[in-house]
Protein backbone atom coordinates (compact mmCIF):
# COMPACT_ATOMS: atom_id res chain seq x y z
CA UNK A 1 43.53 -51.40 45.32
CA UNK A 2 39.79 -51.33 45.93
CA UNK A 3 39.95 -47.56 46.41
CA UNK A 4 41.71 -47.16 43.06
CA UNK A 5 39.13 -49.32 41.27
CA UNK A 6 36.29 -47.26 42.73
CA UNK A 7 37.92 -43.98 41.73
CA UNK A 8 38.62 -45.26 38.21
CA UNK A 9 35.02 -46.38 37.79
CA UNK A 10 33.82 -42.95 38.86
CA UNK A 11 36.08 -41.24 36.32
CA UNK A 12 34.88 -43.44 33.46
CA UNK A 13 31.19 -42.88 34.22
CA UNK A 14 29.59 -40.77 31.45
CA UNK A 15 28.42 -37.32 32.60
CA UNK A 16 24.71 -36.79 33.29
CA UNK A 17 22.88 -34.48 30.90
CA UNK A 18 22.18 -31.01 32.29
CA UNK A 19 18.73 -30.37 33.75
CA UNK A 20 17.15 -27.08 32.67
CA UNK A 21 15.42 -26.77 36.02
CA UNK A 22 18.73 -26.87 37.89
CA UNK A 23 20.82 -25.00 35.35
CA UNK A 24 22.28 -21.69 36.52
CA UNK A 25 24.13 -19.12 34.51
CA UNK A 26 27.87 -19.17 35.25
CA UNK A 27 27.76 -15.38 34.96
CA UNK A 28 24.75 -14.27 36.98
CA UNK A 29 25.36 -10.59 36.36
CA UNK A 30 25.26 -11.05 32.59
CA UNK A 31 21.80 -12.69 32.84
CA UNK A 32 22.56 -14.63 29.66
CA UNK A 33 22.82 -18.42 29.57
CA UNK A 34 25.69 -19.59 27.42
CA UNK A 35 25.02 -22.38 24.95
CA UNK A 36 21.91 -24.55 24.84
CA UNK A 37 20.36 -27.32 26.88
CA UNK A 38 18.57 -30.50 25.81
CA UNK A 39 14.80 -30.35 25.88
CA UNK A 40 12.81 -31.94 28.68
CA UNK A 41 9.23 -33.21 28.43
CA UNK A 42 6.91 -30.83 30.27
CA UNK A 43 3.47 -32.17 31.13
CA UNK A 44 0.44 -29.97 30.67
CA UNK A 45 -1.48 -30.19 33.95
CA UNK A 46 -4.71 -29.20 32.23
CA UNK A 47 -5.07 -32.92 31.56
CA UNK A 48 -4.92 -33.86 35.24
CA UNK A 49 -8.34 -34.92 36.41
CA UNK A 50 -9.82 -34.67 32.90
CA UNK A 51 -13.23 -36.29 33.15
CA UNK A 52 -13.17 -37.11 29.44
CA UNK A 53 -10.22 -39.48 29.81
CA UNK A 54 -9.56 -42.42 32.10
CA UNK A 55 -5.83 -41.74 32.16
CA UNK A 56 -3.60 -38.70 32.22
CA UNK A 57 -2.37 -37.80 28.75
CA UNK A 58 0.64 -35.52 29.23
CA UNK A 59 1.18 -32.77 26.73
CA UNK A 60 4.81 -32.42 25.71
CA UNK A 61 5.85 -28.92 24.82
CA UNK A 62 8.04 -28.19 21.78
CA UNK A 63 11.80 -28.10 22.28
CA UNK A 64 13.13 -25.28 24.46
CA UNK A 65 16.67 -25.05 23.14
CA UNK A 66 17.88 -21.92 24.91
CA UNK A 67 17.32 -20.61 28.39
CA UNK A 68 17.83 -17.02 27.28
CA UNK A 69 17.35 -15.18 30.56
CA UNK A 70 16.67 -15.79 34.22
CA UNK A 71 13.01 -14.80 33.88
CA UNK A 72 12.36 -17.49 31.25
CA UNK A 73 14.10 -20.04 33.46
CA UNK A 74 11.99 -18.90 36.44
CA UNK A 75 8.76 -19.17 34.43
CA UNK A 76 9.58 -22.78 33.57
CA UNK A 77 10.52 -23.49 37.18
CA UNK A 78 7.20 -22.20 38.54
CA UNK A 79 5.29 -23.90 35.75
CA UNK A 80 6.80 -27.21 36.83
CA UNK A 81 4.79 -26.92 40.08
CA UNK A 82 1.68 -27.88 38.10
CA UNK A 83 3.22 -31.21 37.10
CA UNK A 84 2.70 -32.37 40.69
CA UNK A 85 -0.96 -31.33 40.87
CA UNK A 86 -3.32 -34.29 40.66
CA UNK A 87 -7.08 -34.39 40.32
CA UNK A 88 -7.49 -30.70 39.48
CA UNK A 89 -8.34 -29.03 36.17
CA UNK A 90 -5.93 -26.09 36.32
CA UNK A 91 -4.33 -23.94 33.66
CA UNK A 92 -0.54 -23.68 34.32
CA UNK A 93 -0.55 -19.99 35.24
CA UNK A 94 2.52 -18.10 36.41
CA UNK A 95 1.83 -14.85 38.27
CA UNK A 96 4.06 -11.89 37.60
CA UNK A 97 4.34 -11.42 41.37
CA UNK A 98 6.05 -14.82 41.61
CA UNK A 99 8.72 -13.63 39.21
CA UNK A 100 9.32 -10.50 41.32
CA UNK A 101 10.42 -12.88 44.10
CA UNK A 102 13.53 -13.70 42.06
CA UNK A 103 14.61 -10.38 40.61
CA UNK A 104 14.07 -6.63 40.42
CA UNK A 105 10.77 -5.58 38.88
CA UNK A 106 12.34 -3.52 36.10
CA UNK A 107 14.47 -6.48 35.00
CA UNK A 108 11.51 -8.89 35.09
CA UNK A 109 9.32 -6.49 33.10
CA UNK A 110 12.07 -5.99 30.52
CA UNK A 111 12.54 -9.75 30.11
CA UNK A 112 8.79 -10.32 29.79
CA UNK A 113 8.61 -7.79 26.96
CA UNK A 114 11.36 -9.69 25.12
CA UNK A 115 9.63 -13.04 25.67
CA UNK A 116 6.33 -11.59 24.44
CA UNK A 117 7.96 -10.33 21.25
CA UNK A 118 9.43 -13.79 20.68
CA UNK A 119 5.95 -15.34 21.20
CA UNK A 120 7.17 -17.56 24.02
CA UNK A 121 4.60 -16.28 26.51
CA UNK A 122 1.23 -14.57 26.69
CA UNK A 123 0.61 -12.00 29.44
CA UNK A 124 -2.96 -11.36 30.65
CA UNK A 125 -4.40 -8.43 32.55
CA UNK A 126 -7.80 -6.84 33.15
CA UNK A 127 -9.41 -4.26 35.45
CA UNK A 128 -10.48 -7.03 37.86
CA UNK A 129 -7.05 -8.70 37.96
CA UNK A 130 -4.93 -7.88 41.01
CA UNK A 131 -1.74 -9.04 39.32
CA UNK A 132 -0.83 -9.95 35.73
CA UNK A 133 -0.93 -13.63 34.79
CA UNK A 134 1.34 -15.43 32.34
CA UNK A 135 1.02 -18.56 30.22
CA UNK A 136 3.68 -20.22 28.12
CA UNK A 137 2.36 -19.69 24.58
CA UNK A 138 2.38 -23.41 23.79
CA UNK A 139 0.26 -24.05 26.88
CA UNK A 140 -2.18 -21.34 25.83
CA UNK A 141 -2.66 -22.80 22.36
CA UNK A 142 -2.97 -26.30 23.78
CA UNK A 143 -5.65 -25.20 26.26
CA UNK A 144 -7.73 -23.81 23.40
CA UNK A 145 -7.44 -27.14 21.57
CA UNK A 146 -8.73 -28.89 24.68
CA UNK A 147 -11.66 -26.49 24.93
CA UNK A 148 -12.86 -27.65 21.54
CA UNK A 149 -13.10 -31.20 22.93
CA UNK A 150 -15.06 -30.15 26.02
CA UNK A 151 -17.54 -27.65 24.58
CA UNK A 152 -20.81 -29.22 23.48
CA UNK A 153 -21.20 -27.35 20.22
CA UNK A 154 -21.30 -28.26 16.53
CA UNK A 155 -17.84 -28.60 15.05
CA UNK A 156 -18.43 -25.84 12.51
CA UNK A 157 -19.17 -23.40 15.36
CA UNK A 158 -15.88 -24.28 17.09
CA UNK A 159 -13.80 -23.39 14.03
CA UNK A 160 -13.70 -19.81 15.36
CA UNK A 161 -11.31 -21.02 18.07
CA UNK A 162 -8.78 -22.05 15.41
CA UNK A 163 -9.19 -18.66 13.73
CA UNK A 164 -8.61 -16.97 17.09
CA UNK A 165 -5.44 -19.05 17.67
CA UNK A 166 -3.99 -17.84 14.36
CA UNK A 167 -4.71 -14.24 15.33
CA UNK A 168 -3.63 -14.11 18.97
CA UNK A 169 0.03 -15.01 18.45
CA UNK A 170 0.74 -11.64 16.79
CA UNK A 171 -1.52 -9.54 19.03
CA UNK A 172 0.12 -8.59 22.33
CA UNK A 173 -2.38 -6.12 23.86
CA UNK A 174 -4.47 -7.14 26.86
CA UNK A 175 -7.77 -6.15 25.25
CA UNK A 176 -9.47 -5.23 21.99
CA UNK A 177 -12.71 -3.55 20.94
CA UNK A 178 -15.43 -5.90 19.77
CA UNK A 179 -15.68 -4.24 16.35
CA UNK A 180 -11.92 -4.58 15.83
CA UNK A 181 -11.91 -8.26 16.83
CA UNK A 182 -14.81 -9.03 14.48
CA UNK A 183 -12.93 -7.33 11.66
CA UNK A 184 -9.63 -9.12 12.35
CA UNK A 185 -11.28 -12.55 12.73
CA UNK A 186 -13.86 -11.87 9.99
CA UNK A 187 -16.49 -13.32 12.27
CA UNK A 188 -20.04 -12.70 13.46
CA UNK A 189 -21.54 -11.72 16.82
CA UNK A 190 -22.49 -15.37 17.34
CA UNK A 191 -18.85 -16.45 17.00
CA UNK A 192 -17.74 -13.78 19.47
CA UNK A 193 -20.30 -15.23 21.89
CA UNK A 194 -18.75 -18.67 21.43
CA UNK A 195 -15.35 -17.27 22.45
CA UNK A 196 -16.95 -15.71 25.54
CA UNK A 197 -18.69 -18.99 26.46
CA UNK A 198 -15.38 -20.83 26.05
CA UNK A 199 -13.78 -18.49 28.59
CA UNK A 200 -11.23 -17.19 26.08
CA UNK A 201 -12.44 -13.58 26.23
CA UNK A 202 -14.57 -11.58 28.65
CA UNK A 203 -16.45 -8.32 28.18
CA UNK A 204 -15.56 -5.55 30.63
CA UNK A 205 -16.47 -1.96 29.79
CA UNK A 206 -15.95 -1.01 26.14
CA UNK A 207 -13.38 -3.77 25.57
CA UNK A 208 -13.10 -7.51 25.20
CA UNK A 209 -10.29 -8.75 27.47
CA UNK A 210 -8.32 -11.90 26.74
CA UNK A 211 -8.47 -14.30 29.65
CA UNK A 212 -7.20 -17.67 30.87
CA UNK A 213 -9.79 -20.46 31.15
CA UNK A 214 -10.04 -21.81 34.72
CA UNK A 215 -7.91 -18.97 36.09
CA UNK A 216 -10.49 -18.46 38.83
CA UNK A 217 -9.68 -21.87 40.32
CA UNK A 218 -6.01 -20.98 40.72
CA UNK A 219 -6.74 -17.54 42.20
CA UNK A 220 -9.15 -19.07 44.74
CA UNK A 221 -6.48 -21.57 45.79
CA UNK A 222 -3.99 -18.71 46.23
CA UNK A 223 -6.50 -16.65 48.23
CA UNK A 224 -7.08 -19.47 50.72
CA UNK A 225 -3.36 -20.24 50.92
CA UNK A 226 -2.64 -16.60 51.67
CA UNK A 227 -5.04 -16.64 54.62
CA UNK A 228 -3.44 -19.83 55.96
CA UNK A 229 0.12 -18.51 55.70
CA UNK A 230 -0.74 -15.16 57.30
CA UNK A 231 -2.37 -16.95 60.23
CA UNK A 232 0.82 -18.97 60.76
CA UNK A 233 3.07 -15.90 60.69
CA UNK A 234 0.81 -13.77 62.90
CA UNK A 235 1.03 -16.41 65.64
CA UNK A 236 4.82 -16.11 65.69
CA UNK A 237 6.70 -13.78 67.97
CA UNK A 238 7.59 -10.59 66.07
CA UNK A 239 5.44 -11.97 63.22
CA UNK A 240 8.37 -13.58 61.42
CA UNK A 241 9.45 -17.14 60.68
CA UNK A 242 12.38 -18.96 59.07
CA UNK A 243 11.62 -19.63 55.41
CA UNK A 244 12.61 -23.30 55.71
CA UNK A 245 10.15 -23.73 58.58
CA UNK A 246 7.38 -22.01 56.63
CA UNK A 247 8.05 -24.09 53.51
CA UNK A 248 7.64 -27.24 55.60
CA UNK A 249 4.11 -26.24 56.61
CA UNK A 250 1.25 -28.07 54.92
CA UNK A 251 -1.60 -26.05 53.40
CA UNK A 252 -4.57 -28.43 53.11
CA UNK A 253 -6.52 -26.10 50.82
CA UNK A 254 -3.73 -25.99 48.19
CA UNK A 255 -2.43 -28.69 45.83
CA UNK A 256 0.81 -26.69 45.41
CA UNK A 257 3.87 -26.69 47.60
CA UNK A 258 4.14 -23.82 50.08
CA UNK A 259 6.99 -22.16 48.18
CA UNK A 260 4.59 -21.54 45.26
CA UNK A 261 2.55 -19.26 47.54
CA UNK A 262 5.50 -17.74 49.40
CA UNK A 263 6.91 -16.44 46.12
CA UNK A 264 3.53 -14.98 45.20
CA UNK A 265 3.07 -13.15 48.53
CA UNK A 266 6.61 -11.77 48.62
CA UNK A 267 6.25 -10.54 45.02
CA UNK A 268 2.99 -8.80 46.00
CA UNK A 269 4.71 -7.12 48.98
CA UNK A 270 2.41 -8.89 51.45
CA UNK A 271 5.45 -10.62 52.94
CA UNK A 272 9.11 -9.64 53.06
CA UNK A 273 12.32 -11.62 53.40
CA UNK A 274 15.73 -10.91 54.91
CA UNK A 275 18.98 -12.83 55.16
CA UNK A 276 20.29 -13.72 58.60
CA UNK A 277 23.15 -15.86 59.87
CA UNK A 278 20.59 -18.62 60.52
CA UNK A 279 19.01 -18.42 57.06
CA UNK A 280 16.27 -16.50 55.28
CA UNK A 281 13.55 -15.04 57.50
CA UNK A 282 10.04 -14.31 56.21
CA UNK A 283 8.17 -11.48 57.91
CA UNK A 284 4.80 -9.79 57.66
CA UNK A 285 4.89 -6.36 56.05
């Protein structure tokens, strides 16, 4: 009788709502997610360690009703890594190389073009960038709002940031000539300088390149993590290691989990992976 009561209670329990971070398409080959999922609050880690606030004030993104493709799902999954970063002022950057870990490059690039057209993401590149960087568009706009609170400038000078926000959503190129930007924003040289000081744009060659504030902090973390992971693998016989064993390693220089960096290095072709009967093996290329 007790067994029957337990089984009946289990049947009557209401189903748990689906989690977008664990949701998988029932038809992987179609790459399309059927239906919609409830929104989840996503914190903006830019607020972590904010010296202007005594407490963390999470930023909740607008509703994400549809997980349209695997690449969008993977962007949100990687972005979630920043929710566990404490005491660091980091922009929630996703590297294109991390997305190559999941799928073929041509498919990822095709999906990114669709997401750019739909204004869900912003992709950044420049001559000094080793790999393209990606921000969820809502994160990008939120970061610029936060910059206005941190820059010690008169409020009327900072109004150019709002003008830039209105412009950038419809402009998908990586760069623009200074004369063209001044014309589109209807601004002065002084206001362009304010955007440079804010870290929103940078001058390289004849162009102004759009950039991510605080990106340098994330790239430095990844550079140190890369050195640590390569040291671990080089000490192994045949220079290969089980992925589960590597993921369990602690990287003191990084606030991210090890998988964050493994994805990046595999996508950059620094590391490779292969399936074996014992599991996935990571090897040095």
